[in-house]
Amino acid sequence: GNDVDKLQYSIVTDRYRYTCWADRTPVKYELYDHATDPGEYYNLVKDMSMEEIEQSPFAEIVADMERRKDNPSNPANSVAK
């Protein structure tokens, strides 16, 4: 495996795209809601640290995406709509 794959990952569900750029300092996160922003113009977690995301309205979505990353083939990993 390529180490870069571990540093940058993007997870897409029916509604959201979540991206983590772990190779950046500070780490950058992106979360787009395709229901309201199909063109991905508005990063819902722009300039937030993970600590800030965890206190934000998007905490549960991001936590779900992180679980999906750890278990990509687990059918229990369904996103709340």
C-alpha atoms as a PDB file:
ATOM      1  CA  GLY A   1       0.000   0.000   0.000  1.00  0.00           C
ATOM      2  CA  ASN A   2       0.820   3.549  -0.676  1.00  0.00           C
ATOM      3  CA  ASP A   3       1.216   5.598   2.519  1.00  0.00           C
ATOM      4  CA  VAL A   4      -0.509   8.549   0.854  1.00  0.00           C
ATOM      5  CA  ASP A   5      -3.743   6.521   0.851  1.00  0.00           C
ATOM      6  CA  LYS A   6      -3.731   6.553   4.637  1.00  0.00           C
ATOM      7  CA  LEU A   7      -3.218  10.303   4.787  1.00  0.00           C
ATOM      8  CA  GLN A   8      -5.959  11.391   2.401  1.00  0.00           C
ATOM      9  CA  TYR A   9      -9.301   9.704   2.244  1.00  0.00           C
ATOM     10  CA  SER A  10     -12.759  10.574   1.074  1.00  0.00           C
ATOM     11  CA  ILE A  11     -15.973   8.772   1.967  1.00  0.00           C
ATOM     12  CA  VAL A  12     -19.150   9.255  -0.029  1.00  0.00           C
ATOM     13  CA  THR A  13     -22.663   8.259   0.990  1.00  0.00           C
ATOM     14  CA  ASP A  14     -25.994   8.868  -0.707  1.00  0.00           C
ATOM     15  CA  ARG A  15     -26.030  12.326   0.835  1.00  0.00           C
ATOM     16  CA  TYR A  16     -22.569  13.401   2.025  1.00  0.00           C
ATOM     17  CA  ARG A  17     -18.932  13.510   0.993  1.00  0.00           C
ATOM     18  CA  TYR A  18     -16.405  13.621   3.797  1.00  0.00           C
ATOM     19  CA  THR A  19     -12.698  14.119   3.175  1.00  0.00           C
ATOM     20  CA  CYS A  20      -9.763  14.117   5.569  1.00  0.00           C
ATOM     21  CA  TRP A  21      -6.384  15.527   4.580  1.00  0.00           C
ATOM     22  CA  ALA A  22      -4.274  14.070   7.386  1.00  0.00           C
ATOM     23  CA  ASP A  23      -1.043  15.048   5.623  1.00  0.00           C
ATOM     24  CA  ARG A  24      -1.782  18.751   6.178  1.00  0.00           C
ATOM     25  CA  THR A  25      -0.799  20.764   9.224  1.00  0.00           C
ATOM     26  CA  PRO A  26      -3.229  21.383  10.715  1.00  0.00           C
ATOM     27  CA  VAL A  27      -5.279  18.457   9.419  1.00  0.00           C
ATOM     28  CA  LYS A  28      -8.017  19.645   7.058  1.00  0.00           C
ATOM     29  CA  TYR A  29     -11.542  18.259   6.931  1.00  0.00           C
ATOM     30  CA  GLU A  30     -14.257  18.713   4.349  1.00  0.00           C
ATOM     31  CA  LEU A  31     -17.937  17.830   4.620  1.00  0.00           C
ATOM     32  CA  TYR A  32     -20.391  18.504   1.817  1.00  0.00           C
ATOM     33  CA  ASP A  33     -24.153  17.908   1.912  1.00  0.00           C
ATOM     34  CA  HIS A  34     -25.186  16.888  -1.597  1.00  0.00           C
ATOM     35  CA  ALA A  35     -28.865  17.349  -0.689  1.00  0.00           C
ATOM     36  CA  THR A  36     -28.388  21.108  -0.382  1.00  0.00           C
ATOM     37  CA  ASP A  37     -25.017  21.619  -2.104  1.00  0.00           C
ATOM     38  CA  PRO A  38     -24.567  19.193  -5.023  1.00  0.00           C
ATOM     39  CA  GLY A  39     -21.740  21.322  -6.416  1.00  0.00           C
ATOM     40  CA  GLU A  40     -19.717  21.108  -3.187  1.00  0.00           C
ATOM     41  CA  TYR A  41     -19.323  24.863  -2.776  1.00  0.00           C
ATOM     42  CA  TYR A  42     -19.895  24.992   0.990  1.00  0.00           C
ATOM     43  CA  ASN A  43     -17.552  23.029   3.231  1.00  0.00           C
ATOM     44  CA  LEU A  44     -19.660  22.577   6.376  1.00  0.00           C
ATOM     45  CA  VAL A  45     -16.605  22.062   8.590  1.00  0.00           C
ATOM     46  CA  LYS A  46     -14.248  24.577   6.977  1.00  0.00           C
ATOM     47  CA  ASP A  47     -11.293  25.482   9.190  1.00  0.00           C
ATOM     48  CA  MET A  48     -12.569  23.364  12.108  1.00  0.00           C
ATOM     49  CA  SER A  49     -10.306  21.060  14.064  1.00  0.00           C
ATOM     50  CA  MET A  50     -11.647  17.619  14.976  1.00  0.00           C
ATOM     51  CA  GLU A  51     -12.249  18.957  18.495  1.00  0.00           C
ATOM     52  CA  GLU A  52     -14.372  21.756  17.042  1.00  0.00           C
ATOM     53  CA  ILE A  53     -16.197  19.343  14.727  1.00  0.00           C
ATOM     54  CA  GLU A  54     -17.065  17.168  17.739  1.00  0.00           C
ATOM     55  CA  GLN A  55     -18.806  20.189  19.313  1.00  0.00           C
ATOM     56  CA  SER A  56     -20.568  21.122  16.074  1.00  0.00           C
ATOM     57  CA  PRO A  57     -23.948  20.115  14.618  1.00  0.00           C
ATOM     58  CA  PHE A  58     -22.034  17.825  12.223  1.00  0.00           C
ATOM     59  CA  ALA A  59     -20.414  15.690  14.935  1.00  0.00           C
ATOM     60  CA  GLU A  60     -22.648  12.658  14.378  1.00  0.00           C
ATOM     61  CA  ILE A  61     -22.209  12.725  10.597  1.00  0.00           C
ATOM     62  CA  VAL A  62     -18.423  12.926  10.875  1.00  0.00           C
ATOM     63  CA  ALA A  63     -18.355  10.185  13.529  1.00  0.00           C
ATOM     64  CA  ASP A  64     -20.406   7.994  11.192  1.00  0.00           C
ATOM     65  CA  MET A  65     -18.005   8.679   8.323  1.00  0.00           C
ATOM     66  CA  GLU A  66     -15.021   7.806  10.511  1.00  0.00           C
ATOM     67  CA  ARG A  67     -16.683   4.509  11.447  1.00  0.00           C
ATOM     68  CA  ARG A  68     -17.246   3.776   7.766  1.00  0.00           C
ATOM     69  CA  LYS A  69     -13.566   4.422   7.067  1.00  0.00           C
ATOM     70  CA  ASP A  70     -12.581   1.869   9.704  1.00  0.00           C
ATOM     71  CA  ASN A  71     -15.107  -0.728   8.484  1.00  0.00           C
ATOM     72  CA  PRO A  72     -15.781   0.015   4.826  1.00  0.00           C
ATOM     73  CA  SER A  73     -17.404  -3.340   4.082  1.00  0.00           C
ATOM     74  CA  ASN A  74     -19.567  -3.501   7.213  1.00  0.00           C
ATOM     75  CA  PRO A  75     -23.221  -3.382   6.107  1.00  0.00           C
ATOM     76  CA  ALA A  76     -24.150  -1.957   9.516  1.00  0.00           C
ATOM     77  CA  ASN A  77     -22.427   1.265   8.493  1.00  0.00           C
ATOM     78  CA  SER A  78     -25.535   3.026   7.249  1.00  0.00           C
ATOM     79  CA  VAL A  79     -25.755   6.777   7.475  1.00  0.00           C
ATOM     80  CA  ALA A  80     -28.590   8.553   9.253  1.00  0.00           C
ATOM     81  CA  LYS A  81     -30.585  10.753   6.916  1.00  0.00           C
END
